[in-house]
C-alpha atoms as a PDB file:
ATOM      1  CA  UNK A   1       2.453  83.545  -3.652  1.00  0.00           C
ATOM      2  CA  UNK A   2       1.096  80.140  -2.597  1.00  0.00           C
ATOM      3  CA  UNK A   3      -2.557  80.125  -1.171  1.00  0.00           C
ATOM      4  CA  UNK A   4      -0.928  78.351   1.898  1.00  0.00           C
ATOM      5  CA  UNK A   5       1.499  81.270   2.467  1.00  0.00           C
ATOM      6  CA  UNK A   6      -1.394  83.653   2.313  1.00  0.00           C
ATOM      7  CA  UNK A   7      -3.353  81.752   4.818  1.00  0.00           C
ATOM      8  CA  UNK A   8      -0.243  81.599   7.137  1.00  0.00           C
ATOM      9  CA  UNK A   9       0.328  85.289   6.953  1.00  0.00           C
ATOM     10  CA  UNK A  10      -3.349  86.081   7.560  1.00  0.00           C
ATOM     11  CA  UNK A  11      -3.442  83.700  10.638  1.00  0.00           C
ATOM     12  CA  UNK A  12      -0.235  85.401  11.929  1.00  0.00           C
ATOM     13  CA  UNK A  13      -1.828  88.853  11.364  1.00  0.00           C
ATOM     14  CA  UNK A  14      -4.949  87.849  13.480  1.00  0.00           C
ATOM     15  CA  UNK A  15      -2.789  86.524  16.158  1.00  0.00           C
ATOM     16  CA  UNK A  16      -0.743  89.784  16.448  1.00  0.00           C
ATOM     17  CA  UNK A  17      -4.047  91.725  16.370  1.00  0.00           C
ATOM     18  CA  UNK A  18      -5.366  89.638  19.219  1.00  0.00           C
ATOM     19  CA  UNK A  19      -2.412  89.702  21.434  1.00  0.00           C
ATOM     20  CA  UNK A  20      -1.158  93.350  20.690  1.00  0.00           C
ATOM     21  CA  UNK A  21      -4.277  95.035  19.669  1.00  0.00           C
ATOM     22  CA  UNK A  22      -6.970  93.530  21.862  1.00  0.00           C
ATOM     23  CA  UNK A  23      -5.270  91.818  24.820  1.00  0.00           C
ATOM     24  CA  UNK A  24      -3.791  95.180  26.091  1.00  0.00           C
ATOM     25  CA  UNK A  25      -7.229  96.645  26.581  1.00  0.00           C
ATOM     26  CA  UNK A  26      -8.316  93.455  28.504  1.00  0.00           C
ATOM     27  CA  UNK A  27      -5.244  93.594  30.630  1.00  0.00           C
ATOM     28  CA  UNK A  28      -5.501  97.241  31.446  1.00  0.00           C
ATOM     29  CA  UNK A  29      -9.232  97.100  32.138  1.00  0.00           C
ATOM     30  CA  UNK A  30      -8.790  94.120  34.665  1.00  0.00           C
ATOM     31  CA  UNK A  31      -5.866  96.026  36.170  1.00  0.00           C
ATOM     32  CA  UNK A  32      -8.003  99.092  36.858  1.00  0.00           C
ATOM     33  CA  UNK A  33     -11.331  97.573  37.750  1.00  0.00           C
ATOM     34  CA  UNK A  34      -9.691  94.608  39.698  1.00  0.00           C
ATOM     35  CA  UNK A  35      -7.649  96.878  41.869  1.00  0.00           C
ATOM     36  CA  UNK A  36     -10.515  99.055  42.681  1.00  0.00           C
ATOM     37  CA  UNK A  37     -12.735  96.036  43.611  1.00  0.00           C
ATOM     38  CA  UNK A  38      -9.962  94.515  45.708  1.00  0.00           C
ATOM     39  CA  UNK A  39      -9.310  97.669  47.716  1.00  0.00           C
ATOM     40  CA  UNK A  40     -13.023  97.996  48.359  1.00  0.00           C
ATOM     41  CA  UNK A  41     -13.806  94.381  49.221  1.00  0.00           C
ATOM     42  CA  UNK A  42     -10.568  93.139  50.721  1.00  0.00           C
ATOM     43  CA  UNK A  43      -8.664  96.088  52.109  1.00  0.00           C
ATOM     44  CA  UNK A  44      -6.722  94.014  54.724  1.00  0.00           C
ATOM     45  CA  UNK A  45      -5.315  91.835  51.893  1.00  0.00           C
ATOM     46  CA  UNK A  46      -3.842  95.046  50.287  1.00  0.00           C
ATOM     47  CA  UNK A  47      -0.301  94.552  51.542  1.00  0.00           C
ATOM     48  CA  UNK A  48       3.189  93.315  50.592  1.00  0.00           C
ATOM     49  CA  UNK A  49       3.013  90.250  52.927  1.00  0.00           C
ATOM     50  CA  UNK A  50       6.572  90.779  54.141  1.00  0.00           C
ATOM     51  CA  UNK A  51       8.262  87.486  55.516  1.00  0.00           C
ATOM     52  CA  UNK A  52      11.015  89.550  57.418  1.00  0.00           C
ATOM     53  CA  UNK A  53       9.991  88.086  60.736  1.00  0.00           C
ATOM     54  CA  UNK A  54      10.562  84.486  59.425  1.00  0.00           C
ATOM     55  CA  UNK A  55      13.909  85.138  58.025  1.00  0.00           C
ATOM     56  CA  UNK A  56      15.846  88.311  57.629  1.00  0.00           C
ATOM     57  CA  UNK A  57      18.790  86.886  55.876  1.00  0.00           C
ATOM     58  CA  UNK A  58      19.005  87.734  52.088  1.00  0.00           C
ATOM     59  CA  UNK A  59      15.941  89.875  52.443  1.00  0.00           C
ATOM     60  CA  UNK A  60      17.666  93.248  52.682  1.00  0.00           C
ATOM     61  CA  UNK A  61      20.154  92.808  49.798  1.00  0.00           C
ATOM     62  CA  UNK A  62      17.729  91.026  47.527  1.00  0.00           C
ATOM     63  CA  UNK A  63      14.839  93.448  48.316  1.00  0.00           C
ATOM     64  CA  UNK A  64      16.899  96.549  47.667  1.00  0.00           C
ATOM     65  CA  UNK A  65      18.481  95.284  44.390  1.00  0.00           C
ATOM     66  CA  UNK A  66      15.080  94.170  43.118  1.00  0.00           C
ATOM     67  CA  UNK A  67      13.063  97.284  43.994  1.00  0.00           C
ATOM     68  CA  UNK A  68      15.668  99.782  42.887  1.00  0.00           C
ATOM     69  CA  UNK A  69      16.068  97.908  39.593  1.00  0.00           C
ATOM     70  CA  UNK A  70      12.245  97.508  38.942  1.00  0.00           C
ATOM     71  CA  UNK A  71      11.649 101.167  39.834  1.00  0.00           C
ATOM     72  CA  UNK A  72      14.251 102.318  37.342  1.00  0.00           C
ATOM     73  CA  UNK A  73      12.962  99.948  34.705  1.00  0.00           C
ATOM     74  CA  UNK A  74       9.370 100.899  35.226  1.00  0.00           C
ATOM     75  CA  UNK A  75      10.128 104.770  35.170  1.00  0.00           C
ATOM     76  CA  UNK A  76      12.233 104.198  31.988  1.00  0.00           C
ATOM     77  CA  UNK A  77       9.504 102.131  30.082  1.00  0.00           C
ATOM     78  CA  UNK A  78       6.889 104.535  31.209  1.00  0.00           C
ATOM     79  CA  UNK A  79       8.707 107.743  30.031  1.00  0.00           C
ATOM     80  CA  UNK A  80      10.366 106.073  27.109  1.00  0.00           C
ATOM     81  CA  UNK A  81       7.206 104.569  25.525  1.00  0.00           C
ATOM     82  CA  UNK A  82       4.570 107.050  26.339  1.00  0.00           C
ATOM     83  CA  UNK A  83       6.547 110.286  25.845  1.00  0.00           C
ATOM     84  CA  UNK A  84       5.630 111.676  22.227  1.00  0.00           C
ATOM     85  CA  UNK A  85       8.491 111.533  19.732  1.00  0.00           C
ATOM     86  CA  UNK A  86       8.192 115.289  19.122  1.00  0.00           C
ATOM     87  CA  UNK A  87       9.173 115.908  22.794  1.00  0.00           C
ATOM     88  CA  UNK A  88      12.474 114.073  22.237  1.00  0.00           C
ATOM     89  CA  UNK A  89      12.958 115.830  19.013  1.00  0.00           C
ATOM     90  CA  UNK A  90      12.290 119.277  20.654  1.00  0.00           C
ATOM     91  CA  UNK A  91      14.915 118.894  23.322  1.00  0.00           C
ATOM     92  CA  UNK A  92      17.450 117.533  20.821  1.00  0.00           C
ATOM     93  CA  UNK A  93      17.570 113.795  21.920  1.00  0.00           C
ATOM     94  CA  UNK A  94      17.958 111.643  18.810  1.00  0.00           C
ATOM     95  CA  UNK A  95      16.346 108.029  18.621  1.00  0.00           C
ATOM     96  CA  UNK A  96      19.857 106.598  18.611  1.00  0.00           C
ATOM     97  CA  UNK A  97      20.903 108.451  21.733  1.00  0.00           C
ATOM     98  CA  UNK A  98      17.639 107.347  23.377  1.00  0.00           C
ATOM     99  CA  UNK A  99      18.287 103.708  22.293  1.00  0.00           C
ATOM    100  CA  UNK A 100      21.732 103.691  23.751  1.00  0.00           C
ATOM    101  CA  UNK A 101      20.635 105.253  27.052  1.00  0.00           C
ATOM    102  CA  UNK A 102      17.949 102.563  27.150  1.00  0.00           C
ATOM    103  CA  UNK A 103      20.431  99.963  26.669  1.00  0.00           C
ATOM    104  CA  UNK A 104      22.834 101.014  29.243  1.00  0.00           C
ATOM    105  CA  UNK A 105      20.516 102.239  31.967  1.00  0.00           C
ATOM    106  CA  UNK A 106      18.215  99.439  31.374  1.00  0.00           C
ATOM    107  CA  UNK A 107      20.892  96.855  31.314  1.00  0.00           C
ATOM    108  CA  UNK A 108      22.316  97.968  34.676  1.00  0.00           C
ATOM    109  CA  UNK A 109      18.915  98.240  36.283  1.00  0.00           C
ATOM    110  CA  UNK A 110      17.859  94.862  34.782  1.00  0.00           C
ATOM    111  CA  UNK A 111      21.009  93.155  36.080  1.00  0.00           C
ATOM    112  CA  UNK A 112      20.287  94.575  39.638  1.00  0.00           C
ATOM    113  CA  UNK A 113      16.710  93.559  39.491  1.00  0.00           C
ATOM    114  CA  UNK A 114      17.248  90.125  38.298  1.00  0.00           C
ATOM    115  CA  UNK A 115      20.023  89.424  40.966  1.00  0.00           C
ATOM    116  CA  UNK A 116      17.596  90.648  43.598  1.00  0.00           C
ATOM    117  CA  UNK A 117      14.814  88.562  42.001  1.00  0.00           C
ATOM    118  CA  UNK A 118      17.095  85.403  42.168  1.00  0.00           C
ATOM    119  CA  UNK A 119      17.833  86.105  45.781  1.00  0.00           C
ATOM    120  CA  UNK A 120      14.333  86.603  46.765  1.00  0.00           C
ATOM    121  CA  UNK A 121      13.063  83.470  44.784  1.00  0.00           C
ATOM    122  CA  UNK A 122      15.699  81.334  46.256  1.00  0.00           C
ATOM    123  CA  UNK A 123      14.895  82.490  49.721  1.00  0.00           C
ATOM    124  CA  UNK A 124      11.103  81.855  49.162  1.00  0.00           C
ATOM    125  CA  UNK A 125      11.603  78.483  47.576  1.00  0.00           C
ATOM    126  CA  UNK A 126      14.410  76.881  49.634  1.00  0.00           C
ATOM    127  CA  UNK A 127      13.614  78.222  53.111  1.00  0.00           C
ATOM    128  CA  UNK A 128      10.941  75.689  54.465  1.00  0.00           C
ATOM    129  CA  UNK A 129       9.339  78.275  56.943  1.00  0.00           C
ATOM    130  CA  UNK A 130       8.945  80.842  54.216  1.00  0.00           C
ATOM    131  CA  UNK A 131       7.707  78.387  51.852  1.00  0.00           C
ATOM    132  CA  UNK A 132       5.138  77.056  54.243  1.00  0.00           C
ATOM    133  CA  UNK A 133       3.756  80.483  54.795  1.00  0.00           C
ATOM    134  CA  UNK A 134       3.746  81.518  51.103  1.00  0.00           C
ATOM    135  CA  UNK A 135       0.828  81.098  48.857  1.00  0.00           C
ATOM    136  CA  UNK A 136       1.195  79.734  45.201  1.00  0.00           C
ATOM    137  CA  UNK A 137       0.490  83.334  44.047  1.00  0.00           C
ATOM    138  CA  UNK A 138       3.396  84.793  45.909  1.00  0.00           C
ATOM    139  CA  UNK A 139       5.860  82.298  44.512  1.00  0.00           C
ATOM    140  CA  UNK A 140       4.295  82.407  41.071  1.00  0.00           C
ATOM    141  CA  UNK A 141       4.331  86.222  40.645  1.00  0.00           C
ATOM    142  CA  UNK A 142       7.984  86.427  41.759  1.00  0.00           C
ATOM    143  CA  UNK A 143       8.850  83.738  39.114  1.00  0.00           C
ATOM    144  CA  UNK A 144       6.874  85.504  36.515  1.00  0.00           C
ATOM    145  CA  UNK A 145       8.708  88.873  37.219  1.00  0.00           C
ATOM    146  CA  UNK A 146      12.035  86.943  37.078  1.00  0.00           C
ATOM    147  CA  UNK A 147      11.160  85.415  33.666  1.00  0.00           C
ATOM    148  CA  UNK A 148      10.117  88.861  32.442  1.00  0.00           C
ATOM    149  CA  UNK A 149      13.446  90.357  33.518  1.00  0.00           C
ATOM    150  CA  UNK A 150      15.239  87.567  31.818  1.00  0.00           C
ATOM    151  CA  UNK A 151      13.340  88.391  28.619  1.00  0.00           C
ATOM    152  CA  UNK A 152      14.016  92.012  28.971  1.00  0.00           C
ATOM    153  CA  UNK A 153      17.755  91.439  29.183  1.00  0.00           C
ATOM    154  CA  UNK A 154      17.597  89.213  26.121  1.00  0.00           C
ATOM    155  CA  UNK A 155      16.367  91.998  24.057  1.00  0.00           C
ATOM    156  CA  UNK A 156      19.594  94.126  24.654  1.00  0.00           C
ATOM    157  CA  UNK A 157      21.633  92.295  21.956  1.00  0.00           C
ATOM    158  CA  UNK A 158      18.753  92.711  19.581  1.00  0.00           C
ATOM    159  CA  UNK A 159      18.480  96.283  20.397  1.00  0.00           C
ATOM    160  CA  UNK A 160      22.324  96.705  19.929  1.00  0.00           C
ATOM    161  CA  UNK A 161      21.639  95.801  16.242  1.00  0.00           C
ATOM    162  CA  UNK A 162      19.368  98.766  15.800  1.00  0.00           C
ATOM    163  CA  UNK A 163      21.303 101.649  17.557  1.00  0.00           C
ATOM    164  CA  UNK A 164      19.450 103.920  15.225  1.00  0.00           C
ATOM    165  CA  UNK A 165      16.507 103.464  17.415  1.00  0.00           C
ATOM    166  CA  UNK A 166      14.210 102.247  14.636  1.00  0.00           C
ATOM    167  CA  UNK A 167      13.037  99.316  16.543  1.00  0.00           C
ATOM    168  CA  UNK A 168      12.365 101.382  19.771  1.00  0.00           C
ATOM    169  CA  UNK A 169      10.327 103.704  17.737  1.00  0.00           C
ATOM    170  CA  UNK A 170       7.977 100.905  16.788  1.00  0.00           C
ATOM    171  CA  UNK A 171       7.303 100.158  20.365  1.00  0.00           C
ATOM    172  CA  UNK A 172       6.605 103.891  21.175  1.00  0.00           C
ATOM    173  CA  UNK A 173       4.174 104.017  18.365  1.00  0.00           C
ATOM    174  CA  UNK A 174       2.427 100.882  19.543  1.00  0.00           C
ATOM    175  CA  UNK A 175       2.207 101.956  23.197  1.00  0.00           C
ATOM    176  CA  UNK A 176       0.903 105.402  22.309  1.00  0.00           C
ATOM    177  CA  UNK A 177      -1.371 103.811  19.697  1.00  0.00           C
ATOM    178  CA  UNK A 178      -3.006 101.713  22.494  1.00  0.00           C
ATOM    179  CA  UNK A 179      -3.637 104.656  24.862  1.00  0.00           C
ATOM    180  CA  UNK A 180      -5.058 106.770  21.920  1.00  0.00           C
ATOM    181  CA  UNK A 181      -7.253 103.898  20.854  1.00  0.00           C
ATOM    182  CA  UNK A 182      -5.710 103.397  17.230  1.00  0.00           C
ATOM    183  CA  UNK A 183      -7.317 100.455  15.736  1.00  0.00           C
ATOM    184  CA  UNK A 184      -4.006  99.662  13.843  1.00  0.00           C
ATOM    185  CA  UNK A 185      -1.619  99.796  16.824  1.00  0.00           C
ATOM    186  CA  UNK A 186      -0.634  96.172  16.586  1.00  0.00           C
ATOM    187  CA  UNK A 187       0.637  96.686  13.044  1.00  0.00           C
ATOM    188  CA  UNK A 188       3.784  98.628  14.525  1.00  0.00           C
ATOM    189  CA  UNK A 189       5.007  95.561  16.233  1.00  0.00           C
ATOM    190  CA  UNK A 190       3.905  92.754  13.807  1.00  0.00           C
ATOM    191  CA  UNK A 191       7.358  92.210  12.351  1.00  0.00           C
ATOM    192  CA  UNK A 192       9.541  92.699  15.514  1.00  0.00           C
ATOM    193  CA  UNK A 193      11.538  89.758  16.903  1.00  0.00           C
ATOM    194  CA  UNK A 194       9.659  87.097  18.856  1.00  0.00           C
ATOM    195  CA  UNK A 195      11.742  87.862  22.032  1.00  0.00           C
ATOM    196  CA  UNK A 196      10.276  91.332  21.824  1.00  0.00           C
ATOM    197  CA  UNK A 197       6.788  90.042  21.363  1.00  0.00           C
ATOM    198  CA  UNK A 198       7.239  87.481  24.322  1.00  0.00           C
ATOM    199  CA  UNK A 199       8.433  90.422  26.459  1.00  0.00           C
ATOM    200  CA  UNK A 200       5.354  92.528  25.634  1.00  0.00           C
ATOM    201  CA  UNK A 201       2.975  89.593  26.094  1.00  0.00           C
ATOM    202  CA  UNK A 202       4.300  88.693  29.457  1.00  0.00           C
ATOM    203  CA  UNK A 203       4.229  92.314  30.555  1.00  0.00           C
ATOM    204  CA  UNK A 204       0.644  92.601  29.639  1.00  0.00           C
ATOM    205  CA  UNK A 205      -0.048  89.353  31.505  1.00  0.00           C
ATOM    206  CA  UNK A 206       1.632  90.752  34.519  1.00  0.00           C
ATOM    207  CA  UNK A 207      -0.748  93.792  34.239  1.00  0.00           C
ATOM    208  CA  UNK A 208      -3.695  91.302  34.036  1.00  0.00           C
ATOM    209  CA  UNK A 209      -2.813  89.275  37.166  1.00  0.00           C
ATOM    210  CA  UNK A 210      -1.643  92.459  39.108  1.00  0.00           C
ATOM    211  CA  UNK A 211      -4.893  92.906  41.204  1.00  0.00           C
ATOM    212  CA  UNK A 212      -4.798  89.391  42.393  1.00  0.00           C
ATOM    213  CA  UNK A 213      -1.283  89.298  43.737  1.00  0.00           C
ATOM    214  CA  UNK A 214       0.764  91.104  46.384  1.00  0.00           C
ATOM    215  CA  UNK A 215       1.819  93.592  43.675  1.00  0.00           C
ATOM    216  CA  UNK A 216      -0.976  95.765  44.601  1.00  0.00           C
ATOM    217  CA  UNK A 217       1.232  97.351  47.373  1.00  0.00           C
ATOM    218  CA  UNK A 218       2.860  99.267  44.701  1.00  0.00           C
ATOM    219  CA  UNK A 219      -0.187 101.313  44.336  1.00  0.00           C
ATOM    220  CA  UNK A 220      -0.118 102.480  47.915  1.00  0.00           C
ATOM    221  CA  UNK A 221       1.827 105.335  49.385  1.00  0.00           C
ATOM    222  CA  UNK A 222       1.642 105.483  53.200  1.00  0.00           C
ATOM    223  CA  UNK A 223       1.281 109.389  53.212  1.00  0.00           C
ATOM    224  CA  UNK A 224      -1.247 109.052  56.081  1.00  0.00           C
ATOM    225  CA  UNK A 225       1.401 108.119  58.492  1.00  0.00           C
ATOM    226  CA  UNK A 226       3.152 111.402  58.179  1.00  0.00           C
ATOM    227  CA  UNK A 227       0.508 113.192  60.126  1.00  0.00           C
ATOM    228  CA  UNK A 228      -0.625 110.407  62.299  1.00  0.00           C
ATOM    229  CA  UNK A 229      -0.310 110.858  66.110  1.00  0.00           C
ATOM    230  CA  UNK A 230       1.756 108.212  67.808  1.00  0.00           C
ATOM    231  CA  UNK A 231       0.189 105.541  69.886  1.00  0.00           C
ATOM    232  CA  UNK A 232       1.150 102.572  71.979  1.00  0.00           C
ATOM    233  CA  UNK A 233      -0.728  99.327  72.701  1.00  0.00           C
ATOM    234  CA  UNK A 234      -0.174  98.280  76.331  1.00  0.00           C
ATOM    235  CA  UNK A 235      -1.548  95.021  77.608  1.00  0.00           C
ATOM    236  CA  UNK A 236      -1.980  94.418  81.352  1.00  0.00           C
ATOM    237  CA  UNK A 237      -3.042  91.786  83.696  1.00  0.00           C
ATOM    238  CA  UNK A 238      -4.963  94.116  85.880  1.00  0.00           C
ATOM    239  CA  UNK A 239      -8.742  93.833  86.060  1.00  0.00           C
ATOM    240  CA  UNK A 240      -9.679  97.151  84.518  1.00  0.00           C
ATOM    241  CA  UNK A 241     -13.322  96.920  85.306  1.00  0.00           C
ATOM    242  CA  UNK A 242     -12.591  96.283  89.001  1.00  0.00           C
ATOM    243  CA  UNK A 243     -10.319  99.236  89.071  1.00  0.00           C
ATOM    244  CA  UNK A 244     -12.891 101.463  87.515  1.00  0.00           C
ATOM    245  CA  UNK A 245     -15.551 100.368  90.046  1.00  0.00           C
ATOM    246  CA  UNK A 246     -13.178 101.212  92.903  1.00  0.00           C
ATOM    247  CA  UNK A 247     -12.437 104.617  91.475  1.00  0.00           C
ATOM    248  CA  UNK A 248     -16.117 105.284  91.025  1.00  0.00           C
ATOM    249  CA  UNK A 249     -16.787 104.340  94.632  1.00  0.00           C
ATOM    250  CA  UNK A 250     -14.096 106.657  95.800  1.00  0.00           C
ATOM    251  CA  UNK A 251     -15.429 109.467  93.724  1.00  0.00           C
ATOM    252  CA  UNK A 252     -18.910 108.934  95.251  1.00  0.00           C
ATOM    253  CA  UNK A 253     -17.367 108.911  98.749  1.00  0.00           C
ATOM    254  CA  UNK A 254     -15.479 112.127  98.117  1.00  0.00           C
ATOM    255  CA  UNK A 255     -18.841 113.700  96.924  1.00  0.00           C
END
């Protein structure tokens, strides 16, 4: 083997180690610490920033398709990547069956999510009122999610060439290796297709920028509303202080 080939392989190995062995911890640390700091320091920015009042058209269809698709994809990735292999073996699900399920369910959910993302992105970019009331981050994170969905759908033909589940198992070992602090976790994905690597890298980048975007509303569940007493804000033109003074004088006269 030529010396330049050895150098190339070594450089590629360091790049893989940096992106898939070190970068995940940076992204997850920023996600955790950044979310806590933002909730503590800027609680009033912890919201989705809905633009429904500016334009309802397209919002319902796009939002439903996007959120349902994203929730299915996120749940599938979370369970599929972090569930130990012995659990699937114990319940009788083979790697091949799991791969087919991931392709079918992920494909349907991905198509729904990306259709919704295109609708929402079109609405935010081409409606002048919404565009004027949107920050760079609002549009950028939606574009980033759309690109991530495109990469995810692009992996389906590649996964279809490995219906035995061999490629999927690599990603399971990698994800579980990261969460169990294995120093060689990056080695599991070193030889996968570049589209898979781009999908992993962009996913980690979304985790990295998560605390600084409107995505933080995903971490909130408005459970406190369930037991909250109803209230109504009423504005009046009456002089409240004058009425209170009159009422006080009447009470004093009655006394």
